[in-house]
Amino acid sequence: GSVKGLNTNNEISEVFFLVIRSRGLRAIRKLIAAEWSIP
């Protein structure tokens, strides 16, 4: 994937990345929220 836009210095930049899907990594975020009852 890629996105293009202005950074915090008002410079145009394009970023490239691998788009990821993961039930396990999502579950880690849910576990962190559940462990401390974070709203």
PDB file of all heavy atoms in Angstrom:
ATOM      1  N   GLY A   1       0.816  -1.204   0.000  1.00  0.00           N
ATOM      2  CA  GLY A   1       0.000   0.000   0.000  1.00  0.00           C
ATOM      3  C   GLY A   1       0.850   1.254   0.000  1.00  0.00           C
ATOM      4  O   GLY A   1       2.063   1.203   0.258  1.00  0.00           O
ATOM      5  N   SER A   2       0.225   2.371  -0.312  1.00  0.00           N
ATOM      6  CA  SER A   2       0.916   3.659  -0.211  1.00  0.00           C
ATOM      7  C   SER A   2      -0.091   4.758   0.077  1.00  0.00           C
ATOM      8  O   SER A   2      -1.268   4.659  -0.298  1.00  0.00           O
ATOM      9  CB  SER A   2       1.703   3.982  -1.486  1.00  0.00           C
ATOM     10  OG  SER A   2       0.854   4.465  -2.501  1.00  0.00           O
ATOM     11  N   VAL A   3       0.378   5.795   0.742  1.00  0.00           N
ATOM     12  CA  VAL A   3      -0.412   7.004   0.979  1.00  0.00           C
ATOM     13  C   VAL A   3       0.484   8.200   0.724  1.00  0.00           C
ATOM     14  O   VAL A   3       1.702   8.129   0.894  1.00  0.00           O
ATOM     15  CB  VAL A   3      -0.992   7.066   2.409  1.00  0.00           C
ATOM     16  CG1 VAL A   3      -2.038   5.983   2.628  1.00  0.00           C
ATOM     17  CG2 VAL A   3       0.105   6.980   3.452  1.00  0.00           C
ATOM     18  N   LYS A   4      -0.127   9.294   0.308  1.00  0.00           N
ATOM     19  CA  LYS A   4       0.615  10.520   0.020  1.00  0.00           C
ATOM     20  C   LYS A   4      -0.082  11.685   0.711  1.00  0.00           C
ATOM     21  O   LYS A   4      -1.315  11.745   0.767  1.00  0.00           O
ATOM     22  CB  LYS A   4       0.677  10.761  -1.489  1.00  0.00           C
ATOM     23  CG  LYS A   4       1.525  11.956  -1.905  1.00  0.00           C
ATOM     24  CD  LYS A   4       1.507  12.168  -3.417  1.00  0.00           C
ATOM     25  CE  LYS A   4       2.217  11.065  -4.139  1.00  0.00           C
ATOM     26  NZ  LYS A   4       2.336  11.335  -5.611  1.00  0.00           N
ATOM     27  N   GLY A   5       0.711  12.598   1.238  1.00  0.00           N
ATOM     28  CA  GLY A   5       0.132  13.762   1.898  1.00  0.00           C
ATOM     29  C   GLY A   5       1.202  14.660   2.470  1.00  0.00           C
ATOM     30  O   GLY A   5       2.403  14.441   2.268  1.00  0.00           O
ATOM     31  N   LEU A   6       0.770  15.686   3.206  1.00  0.00           N
ATOM     32  CA  LEU A   6       1.689  16.633   3.829  1.00  0.00           C
ATOM     33  C   LEU A   6       2.103  16.136   5.206  1.00  0.00           C
ATOM     34  O   LEU A   6       1.251  15.734   6.010  1.00  0.00           O
ATOM     35  CB  LEU A   6       1.028  18.010   3.963  1.00  0.00           C
ATOM     36  CG  LEU A   6       0.726  18.773   2.664  1.00  0.00           C
ATOM     37  CD1 LEU A   6      -0.013  20.065   2.979  1.00  0.00           C
ATOM     38  CD2 LEU A   6       2.012  19.076   1.900  1.00  0.00           C
ATOM     39  N   ASN A   7       3.416  16.177   5.488  1.00  0.00           N
ATOM     40  CA  ASN A   7       3.861  15.834   6.830  1.00  0.00           C
ATOM     41  C   ASN A   7       3.725  17.050   7.742  1.00  0.00           C
ATOM     42  O   ASN A   7       3.191  18.097   7.337  1.00  0.00           O
ATOM     43  CB  ASN A   7       5.297  15.284   6.804  1.00  0.00           C
ATOM     44  CG  ASN A   7       6.314  16.304   6.307  1.00  0.00           C
ATOM     45  OD1 ASN A   7       6.057  17.508   6.255  1.00  0.00           O
ATOM     46  ND2 ASN A   7       7.496  15.818   5.939  1.00  0.00           N
ATOM     47  N   THR A   8       4.223  16.943   8.963  1.00  0.00           N
ATOM     48  CA  THR A   8       4.063  18.036   9.932  1.00  0.00           C
ATOM     49  C   THR A   8       4.878  19.275   9.565  1.00  0.00           C
ATOM     50  O   THR A   8       4.669  20.348  10.128  1.00  0.00           O
ATOM     51  CB  THR A   8       4.470  17.560  11.341  1.00  0.00           C
ATOM     52  OG1 THR A   8       5.794  17.006  11.292  1.00  0.00           O
ATOM     53  CG2 THR A   8       3.497  16.505  11.849  1.00  0.00           C
ATOM     54  N   ASN A   9       5.798  19.137   8.604  1.00  0.00           N
ATOM     55  CA  ASN A   9       6.573  20.285   8.108  1.00  0.00           C
ATOM     56  C   ASN A   9       6.017  20.833   6.800  1.00  0.00           C
ATOM     57  O   ASN A   9       6.690  21.602   6.106  1.00  0.00           O
ATOM     58  CB  ASN A   9       8.040  19.882   7.912  1.00  0.00           C
ATOM     59  CG  ASN A   9       8.733  19.556   9.216  1.00  0.00           C
ATOM     60  OD1 ASN A   9       8.484  20.186  10.246  1.00  0.00           O
ATOM     61  ND2 ASN A   9       9.585  18.540   9.197  1.00  0.00           N
ATOM     62  N   ASN A  10       4.790  20.398   6.452  1.00  0.00           N
ATOM     63  CA  ASN A  10       4.127  20.816   5.211  1.00  0.00           C
ATOM     64  C   ASN A  10       4.905  20.411   3.960  1.00  0.00           C
ATOM     65  O   ASN A  10       4.877  21.120   2.943  1.00  0.00           O
ATOM     66  CB  ASN A  10       3.875  22.334   5.201  1.00  0.00           C
ATOM     67  CG  ASN A  10       2.708  22.725   6.094  1.00  0.00           C
ATOM     68  OD1 ASN A  10       1.712  21.995   6.179  1.00  0.00           O
ATOM     69  ND2 ASN A  10       2.811  23.850   6.765  1.00  0.00           N
ATOM     70  N   GLU A  11       5.599  19.285   4.042  1.00  0.00           N
ATOM     71  CA  GLU A  11       6.292  18.726   2.885  1.00  0.00           C
ATOM     72  C   GLU A  11       5.485  17.539   2.353  1.00  0.00           C
ATOM     73  O   GLU A  11       4.952  16.749   3.134  1.00  0.00           O
ATOM     74  CB  GLU A  11       7.691  18.246   3.279  1.00  0.00           C
ATOM     75  CG  GLU A  11       8.584  19.329   3.865  1.00  0.00           C
ATOM     76  CD  GLU A  11       9.820  18.743   4.506  1.00  0.00           C
ATOM     77  OE1 GLU A  11       9.670  17.869   5.383  1.00  0.00           O
ATOM     78  OE2 GLU A  11      10.931  19.153   4.125  1.00  0.00           O
ATOM     79  N   ILE A  12       5.409  17.417   1.036  1.00  0.00           N
ATOM     80  CA  ILE A  12       4.698  16.294   0.448  1.00  0.00           C
ATOM     81  C   ILE A  12       5.560  15.034   0.549  1.00  0.00           C
ATOM     82  O   ILE A  12       6.729  15.034   0.161  1.00  0.00           O
ATOM     83  CB  ILE A  12       4.348  16.562  -1.027  1.00  0.00           C
ATOM     84  CG1 ILE A  12       3.372  17.731  -1.132  1.00  0.00           C
ATOM     85  CG2 ILE A  12       3.743  15.315  -1.672  1.00  0.00           C
ATOM     86  CD1 ILE A  12       3.013  18.109  -2.555  1.00  0.00           C
ATOM     87  N   SER A  13       4.976  13.991   1.095  1.00  0.00           N
ATOM     88  CA  SER A  13       5.691  12.727   1.228  1.00  0.00           C
ATOM     89  C   SER A  13       4.777  11.584   0.807  1.00  0.00           C
ATOM     90  O   SER A  13       3.553  11.679   0.940  1.00  0.00           O
ATOM     91  CB  SER A  13       6.156  12.502   2.671  1.00  0.00           C
ATOM     92  OG  SER A  13       6.924  11.316   2.783  1.00  0.00           O
ATOM     93  N   GLU A  14       5.374  10.523   0.292  1.00  0.00           N
ATOM     94  CA  GLU A  14       4.635   9.294  -0.014  1.00  0.00           C
ATOM     95  C   GLU A  14       5.270   8.164   0.773  1.00  0.00           C
ATOM     96  O   GLU A  14       6.484   8.012   0.801  1.00  0.00           O
ATOM     97  CB  GLU A  14       4.647   8.981  -1.503  1.00  0.00           C
ATOM     98  CG  GLU A  14       3.783   7.767  -1.851  1.00  0.00           C
ATOM     99  CD  GLU A  14       3.605   7.556  -3.350  1.00  0.00           C
ATOM    100  OE1 GLU A  14       4.342   8.191  -4.124  1.00  0.00           O
ATOM    101  OE2 GLU A  14       2.734   6.756  -3.740  1.00  0.00           O
ATOM    102  N   VAL A  15       4.414   7.372   1.421  1.00  0.00           N
ATOM    103  CA  VAL A  15       4.861   6.271   2.265  1.00  0.00           C
ATOM    104  C   VAL A  15       4.389   4.954   1.662  1.00  0.00           C
ATOM    105  O   VAL A  15       3.238   4.842   1.214  1.00  0.00           O
ATOM    106  CB  VAL A  15       4.303   6.402   3.703  1.00  0.00           C
ATOM    107  CG1 VAL A  15       4.840   5.289   4.592  1.00  0.00           C
ATOM    108  CG2 VAL A  15       4.635   7.761   4.288  1.00  0.00           C
ATOM    109  N   PHE A  16       5.274   3.958   1.655  1.00  0.00           N
ATOM    110  CA  PHE A  16       4.937   2.628   1.161  1.00  0.00           C
ATOM    111  C   PHE A  16       5.011   1.638   2.318  1.00  0.00           C
ATOM    112  O   PHE A  16       5.892   1.733   3.177  1.00  0.00           O
ATOM    113  CB  PHE A  16       5.894   2.207   0.042  1.00  0.00           C
ATOM    114  CG  PHE A  16       5.781   3.054  -1.198  1.00  0.00           C
ATOM    115  CD1 PHE A  16       6.508   4.239  -1.317  1.00  0.00           C
ATOM    116  CD2 PHE A  16       4.943   2.678  -2.239  1.00  0.00           C
ATOM    117  CE1 PHE A  16       6.399   5.022  -2.455  1.00  0.00           C
ATOM    118  CE2 PHE A  16       4.831   3.464  -3.382  1.00  0.00           C
ATOM    119  CZ  PHE A  16       5.557   4.636  -3.485  1.00  0.00           C
ATOM    120  N   PHE A  17       4.100   0.681   2.325  1.00  0.00           N
ATOM    121  CA  PHE A  17       4.024  -0.259   3.445  1.00  0.00           C
ATOM    122  C   PHE A  17       3.332  -1.538   3.002  1.00  0.00           C
ATOM    123  O   PHE A  17       2.631  -1.581   1.970  1.00  0.00           O
ATOM    124  CB  PHE A  17       3.237   0.372   4.604  1.00  0.00           C
ATOM    125  CG  PHE A  17       1.983   1.072   4.182  1.00  0.00           C
ATOM    126  CD1 PHE A  17       0.781   0.387   4.042  1.00  0.00           C
ATOM    127  CD2 PHE A  17       2.002   2.428   3.882  1.00  0.00           C
ATOM    128  CE1 PHE A  17      -0.363   1.032   3.617  1.00  0.00           C
ATOM    129  CE2 PHE A  17       0.851   3.087   3.447  1.00  0.00           C
ATOM    130  CZ  PHE A  17      -0.334   2.387   3.324  1.00  0.00           C
ATOM    131  N   LEU A  18       3.549  -2.600   3.757  1.00  0.00           N
ATOM    132  CA  LEU A  18       2.824  -3.852   3.567  1.00  0.00           C
ATOM    133  C   LEU A  18       1.562  -3.806   4.411  1.00  0.00           C
ATOM    134  O   LEU A  18       1.616  -3.543   5.619  1.00  0.00           O
ATOM    135  CB  LEU A  18       3.691  -5.044   3.986  1.00  0.00           C
ATOM    136  CG  LEU A  18       4.946  -5.289   3.144  1.00  0.00           C
ATOM    137  CD1 LEU A  18       5.808  -6.375   3.787  1.00  0.00           C
ATOM    138  CD2 LEU A  18       4.583  -5.679   1.723  1.00  0.00           C
ATOM    139  N   VAL A  19       0.419  -4.022   3.785  1.00  0.00           N
ATOM    140  CA  VAL A  19      -0.857  -4.028   4.490  1.00  0.00           C
ATOM    141  C   VAL A  19      -1.036  -5.399   5.151  1.00  0.00           C
ATOM    142  O   VAL A  19      -0.882  -6.433   4.507  1.00  0.00           O
ATOM    143  CB  VAL A  19      -2.022  -3.738   3.525  1.00  0.00           C
ATOM    144  CG1 VAL A  19      -3.362  -3.787   4.274  1.00  0.00           C
ATOM    145  CG2 VAL A  19      -1.826  -2.386   2.848  1.00  0.00           C
ATOM    146  N   ILE A  20      -1.340  -5.387   6.443  1.00  0.00           N
ATOM    147  CA  ILE A  20      -1.368  -6.610   7.249  1.00  0.00           C
ATOM    148  C   ILE A  20      -2.771  -6.851   7.822  1.00  0.00           C
ATOM    149  O   ILE A  20      -3.449  -5.920   8.236  1.00  0.00           O
ATOM    150  CB  ILE A  20      -0.367  -6.493   8.432  1.00  0.00           C
ATOM    151  CG1 ILE A  20       1.053  -6.244   7.933  1.00  0.00           C
ATOM    152  CG2 ILE A  20      -0.433  -7.729   9.323  1.00  0.00           C
ATOM    153  CD1 ILE A  20       1.626  -7.332   7.071  1.00  0.00           C
ATOM    154  N   ARG A  21      -3.142  -8.131   7.828  1.00  0.00           N
ATOM    155  CA  ARG A  21      -4.345  -8.550   8.561  1.00  0.00           C
ATOM    156  C   ARG A  21      -3.928  -9.614   9.570  1.00  0.00           C
ATOM    157  O   ARG A  21      -3.203 -10.544   9.224  1.00  0.00           O
ATOM    158  CB  ARG A  21      -5.402  -9.111   7.611  1.00  0.00           C
ATOM    159  CG  ARG A  21      -6.683  -9.596   8.332  1.00  0.00           C
ATOM    160  CD  ARG A  21      -7.758  -9.968   7.344  1.00  0.00           C
ATOM    161  NE  ARG A  21      -7.299 -11.004   6.431  1.00  0.00           N
ATOM    162  CZ  ARG A  21      -7.872 -11.247   5.254  1.00  0.00           C
ATOM    163  NH1 ARG A  21      -8.877 -10.532   4.832  1.00  0.00           N
ATOM    164  NH2 ARG A  21      -7.394 -12.224   4.481  1.00  0.00           N
ATOM    165  N   SER A  22      -4.377  -9.487  10.823  1.00  0.00           N
ATOM    166  CA  SER A  22      -3.991 -10.448  11.846  1.00  0.00           C
ATOM    167  C   SER A  22      -5.012 -10.494  12.976  1.00  0.00           C
ATOM    168  O   SER A  22      -5.183  -9.512  13.703  1.00  0.00           O
ATOM    169  CB  SER A  22      -2.615 -10.108  12.423  1.00  0.00           C
ATOM    170  OG  SER A  22      -2.295 -10.958  13.502  1.00  0.00           O
ATOM    171  N   ARG A  23      -5.670 -11.634  13.128  1.00  0.00           N
ATOM    172  CA  ARG A  23      -6.584 -11.822  14.261  1.00  0.00           C
ATOM    173  C   ARG A  23      -5.801 -11.875  15.564  1.00  0.00           C
ATOM    174  O   ARG A  23      -6.261 -11.403  16.607  1.00  0.00           O
ATOM    175  CB  ARG A  23      -7.373 -13.116  14.076  1.00  0.00           C
ATOM    176  CG  ARG A  23      -8.360 -13.077  12.919  1.00  0.00           C
ATOM    177  CD  ARG A  23      -8.987 -14.438  12.686  1.00  0.00           C
ATOM    178  NE  ARG A  23      -9.762 -14.878  13.827  1.00  0.00           N
ATOM    179  CZ  ARG A  23     -10.319 -16.088  13.928  1.00  0.00           C
ATOM    180  NH1 ARG A  23     -10.148 -16.976  12.966  1.00  0.00           N
ATOM    181  NH2 ARG A  23     -11.028 -16.418  14.986  1.00  0.00           N
ATOM    182  N   GLY A  24      -4.597 -12.452  15.507  1.00  0.00           N
ATOM    183  CA  GLY A  24      -3.796 -12.577  16.712  1.00  0.00           C
ATOM    184  C   GLY A  24      -3.341 -11.235  17.261  1.00  0.00           C
ATOM    185  O   GLY A  24      -3.432 -10.982  18.467  1.00  0.00           O
ATOM    186  N   LEU A  25      -2.837 -10.354  16.383  1.00  0.00           N
ATOM    187  CA  LEU A  25      -2.401  -9.038  16.831  1.00  0.00           C
ATOM    188  C   LEU A  25      -3.582  -8.202  17.320  1.00  0.00           C
ATOM    189  O   LEU A  25      -3.460  -7.427  18.276  1.00  0.00           O
ATOM    190  CB  LEU A  25      -1.656  -8.321  15.705  1.00  0.00           C
ATOM    191  CG  LEU A  25      -0.362  -8.989  15.228  1.00  0.00           C
ATOM    192  CD1 LEU A  25       0.279  -8.188  14.106  1.00  0.00           C
ATOM    193  CD2 LEU A  25       0.621  -9.186  16.375  1.00  0.00           C
ATOM    194  N   ARG A  26      -4.738  -8.374  16.674  1.00  0.00           N
ATOM    195  CA  ARG A  26      -5.942  -7.683  17.140  1.00  0.00           C
ATOM    196  C   ARG A  26      -6.328  -8.182  18.529  1.00  0.00           C
ATOM    197  O   ARG A  26      -6.744  -7.394  19.402  1.00  0.00           O
ATOM    198  CB  ARG A  26      -7.090  -7.920  16.159  1.00  0.00           C
ATOM    199  CG  ARG A  26      -8.365  -7.134  16.466  1.00  0.00           C
ATOM    200  CD  ARG A  26      -8.215  -5.666  16.189  1.00  0.00           C
ATOM    201  NE  ARG A  26      -7.912  -5.416  14.793  1.00  0.00           N
ATOM    202  CZ  ARG A  26      -7.454  -4.260  14.323  1.00  0.00           C
ATOM    203  NH1 ARG A  26      -7.249  -3.248  15.156  1.00  0.00           N
ATOM    204  NH2 ARG A  26      -7.190  -4.098  13.037  1.00  0.00           N
ATOM    205  N   ALA A  27      -6.181  -9.496  18.745  1.00  0.00           N
ATOM    206  CA  ALA A  27      -6.509 -10.069  20.046  1.00  0.00           C
ATOM    207  C   ALA A  27      -5.581  -9.550  21.139  1.00  0.00           C
ATOM    208  O   ALA A  27      -6.003  -9.392  22.294  1.00  0.00           O
ATOM    209  CB  ALA A  27      -6.447 -11.590  19.976  1.00  0.00           C
ATOM    210  N   ILE A  28      -4.323  -9.273  20.784  1.00  0.00           N
ATOM    211  CA  ILE A  28      -3.393  -8.692  21.760  1.00  0.00           C
ATOM    212  C   ILE A  28      -3.905  -7.336  22.235  1.00  0.00           C
ATOM    213  O   ILE A  28      -3.866  -7.008  23.429  1.00  0.00           O
ATOM    214  CB  ILE A  28      -1.988  -8.547  21.140  1.00  0.00           C
ATOM    215  CG1 ILE A  28      -1.321  -9.910  20.984  1.00  0.00           C
ATOM    216  CG2 ILE A  28      -1.106  -7.612  21.984  1.00  0.00           C
ATOM    217  CD1 ILE A  28      -0.918 -10.569  22.283  1.00  0.00           C
ATOM    218  N   ARG A  29      -4.386  -6.517  21.307  1.00  0.00           N
ATOM    219  CA  ARG A  29      -4.930  -5.206  21.678  1.00  0.00           C
ATOM    220  C   ARG A  29      -6.152  -5.374  22.583  1.00  0.00           C
ATOM    221  O   ARG A  29      -6.328  -4.638  23.560  1.00  0.00           O
ATOM    222  CB  ARG A  29      -5.286  -4.413  20.421  1.00  0.00           C
ATOM    223  CG  ARG A  29      -4.072  -3.923  19.646  1.00  0.00           C
ATOM    224  CD  ARG A  29      -4.444  -3.300  18.303  1.00  0.00           C
ATOM    225  NE  ARG A  29      -5.300  -2.142  18.429  1.00  0.00           N
ATOM    226  CZ  ARG A  29      -4.886  -0.889  18.628  1.00  0.00           C
ATOM    227  NH1 ARG A  29      -3.587  -0.640  18.712  1.00  0.00           N
ATOM    228  NH2 ARG A  29      -5.740   0.108  18.709  1.00  0.00           N
ATOM    229  N   LYS A  30      -6.990  -6.350  22.263  1.00  0.00           N
ATOM    230  CA  LYS A  30      -8.175  -6.608  23.088  1.00  0.00           C
ATOM    231  C   LYS A  30      -7.769  -7.085  24.481  1.00  0.00           C
ATOM    232  O   LYS A  30      -8.399  -6.726  25.483  1.00  0.00           O
ATOM    233  CB  LYS A  30      -9.077  -7.636  22.413  1.00  0.00           C
ATOM    234  CG  LYS A  30      -9.737  -7.142  21.136  1.00  0.00           C
ATOM    235  CD  LYS A  30     -10.592  -8.239  20.511  1.00  0.00           C
ATOM    236  CE  LYS A  30     -11.263  -7.756  19.228  1.00  0.00           C
ATOM    237  NZ  LYS A  30     -12.076  -8.821  18.591  1.00  0.00           N
ATOM    238  N   LEU A  31      -6.722  -7.914  24.536  1.00  0.00           N
ATOM    239  CA  LEU A  31      -6.248  -8.407  25.827  1.00  0.00           C
ATOM    240  C   LEU A  31      -5.736  -7.270  26.696  1.00  0.00           C
ATOM    241  O   LEU A  31      -6.008  -7.226  27.901  1.00  0.00           O
ATOM    242  CB  LEU A  31      -5.146  -9.449  25.598  1.00  0.00           C
ATOM    243  CG  LEU A  31      -4.438  -9.996  26.841  1.00  0.00           C
ATOM    244  CD1 LEU A  31      -5.444 -10.636  27.790  1.00  0.00           C
ATOM    245  CD2 LEU A  31      -3.362 -10.994  26.446  1.00  0.00           C
ATOM    246  N   ILE A  32      -4.988  -6.338  26.106  1.00  0.00           N
ATOM    247  CA  ILE A  32      -4.487  -5.182  26.864  1.00  0.00           C
ATOM    248  C   ILE A  32      -5.656  -4.378  27.428  1.00  0.00           C
ATOM    249  O   ILE A  32      -5.658  -3.983  28.596  1.00  0.00           O
ATOM    250  CB  ILE A  32      -3.596  -4.301  25.965  1.00  0.00           C
ATOM    251  CG1 ILE A  32      -2.292  -5.033  25.620  1.00  0.00           C
ATOM    252  CG2 ILE A  32      -3.291  -2.955  26.642  1.00  0.00           C
ATOM    253  CD1 ILE A  32      -1.460  -4.341  24.556  1.00  0.00           C
ATOM    254  N   ALA A  33      -6.677  -4.146  26.595  1.00  0.00           N
ATOM    255  CA  ALA A  33      -7.856  -3.392  27.055  1.00  0.00           C
ATOM    256  C   ALA A  33      -8.580  -4.133  28.173  1.00  0.00           C
ATOM    257  O   ALA A  33      -9.013  -3.519  29.162  1.00  0.00           O
ATOM    258  CB  ALA A  33      -8.797  -3.135  25.887  1.00  0.00           C
ATOM    259  N   ALA A  34      -8.712  -5.461  28.033  1.00  0.00           N
ATOM    260  CA  ALA A  34      -9.437  -6.247  29.027  1.00  0.00           C
ATOM    261  C   ALA A  34      -8.667  -6.355  30.343  1.00  0.00           C
ATOM    262  O   ALA A  34      -9.272  -6.329  31.426  1.00  0.00           O
ATOM    263  CB  ALA A  34      -9.721  -7.638  28.469  1.00  0.00           C
ATOM    264  N   GLU A  35      -7.347  -6.492  30.254  1.00  0.00           N
ATOM    265  CA  GLU A  35      -6.530  -6.674  31.455  1.00  0.00           C
ATOM    266  C   GLU A  35      -6.693  -5.516  32.430  1.00  0.00           C
ATOM    267  O   GLU A  35      -6.743  -5.719  33.654  1.00  0.00           O
ATOM    268  CB  GLU A  35      -5.060  -6.823  31.048  1.00  0.00           C
ATOM    269  CG  GLU A  35      -4.077  -6.908  32.206  1.00  0.00           C
ATOM    270  CD  GLU A  35      -4.175  -8.219  32.970  1.00  0.00           C
ATOM    271  OE1 GLU A  35      -4.855  -9.154  32.495  1.00  0.00           O
ATOM    272  OE2 GLU A  35      -3.559  -8.316  34.041  1.00  0.00           O
ATOM    273  N   TRP A  36      -6.786  -4.295  31.922  1.00  0.00           N
ATOM    274  CA  TRP A  36      -6.898  -3.118  32.781  1.00  0.00           C
ATOM    275  C   TRP A  36      -8.261  -2.423  32.658  1.00  0.00           C
ATOM    276  O   TRP A  36      -8.421  -1.308  33.137  1.00  0.00           O
ATOM    277  CB  TRP A  36      -5.773  -2.138  32.467  1.00  0.00           C
ATOM    278  CG  TRP A  36      -4.431  -2.643  32.930  1.00  0.00           C
ATOM    279  CD1 TRP A  36      -3.959  -2.638  34.223  1.00  0.00           C
ATOM    280  CD2 TRP A  36      -3.396  -3.225  32.136  1.00  0.00           C
ATOM    281  NE1 TRP A  36      -2.691  -3.175  34.264  1.00  0.00           N
ATOM    282  CE2 TRP A  36      -2.309  -3.544  32.996  1.00  0.00           C
ATOM    283  CE3 TRP A  36      -3.265  -3.502  30.771  1.00  0.00           C
ATOM    284  CZ2 TRP A  36      -1.136  -4.128  32.563  1.00  0.00           C
ATOM    285  CZ3 TRP A  36      -2.080  -4.083  30.323  1.00  0.00           C
ATOM    286  CH2 TRP A  36      -1.042  -4.397  31.195  1.00  0.00           C
ATOM    287  N   SER A  37      -9.221  -3.091  32.009  1.00  0.00           N
ATOM    288  CA  SER A  37     -10.578  -2.524  31.842  1.00  0.00           C
ATOM    289  C   SER A  37     -10.515  -1.107  31.277  1.00  0.00           C
ATOM    290  O   SER A  37     -11.160  -0.170  31.777  1.00  0.00           O
ATOM    291  CB  SER A  37     -11.331  -2.516  33.183  1.00  0.00           C
ATOM    292  OG  SER A  37     -11.439  -3.820  33.699  1.00  0.00           O
ATOM    293  N   ILE A  38      -9.739  -0.957  30.215  1.00  0.00           N
ATOM    294  CA  ILE A  38      -9.560   0.361  29.600  1.00  0.00           C
ATOM    295  C   ILE A  38     -10.780   0.682  28.737  1.00  0.00           C
ATOM    296  O   ILE A  38     -11.119  -0.084  27.837  1.00  0.00           O
ATOM    297  CB  ILE A  38      -8.281   0.386  28.727  1.00  0.00           C
ATOM    298  CG1 ILE A  38      -7.067  -0.050  29.541  1.00  0.00           C
ATOM    299  CG2 ILE A  38      -8.068   1.777  28.144  1.00  0.00           C
ATOM    300  CD1 ILE A  38      -5.803  -0.231  28.726  1.00  0.00           C
ATOM    301  N   PRO A  39     -11.447   1.802  28.965  1.00  0.00           N
ATOM    302  CA  PRO A  39     -12.632   2.137  28.155  1.00  0.00           C
ATOM    303  C   PRO A  39     -12.254   2.493  26.714  1.00  0.00           C
ATOM    304  O   PRO A  39     -11.140   2.959  26.445  1.00  0.00           O
ATOM    305  CB  PRO A  39     -13.220   3.347  28.885  1.00  0.00           C
ATOM    306  CG  PRO A  39     -12.080   3.931  29.658  1.00  0.00           C
ATOM    307  CD  PRO A  39     -11.188   2.793  30.020  1.00  0.00           C
TER     308      PRO A  39
END
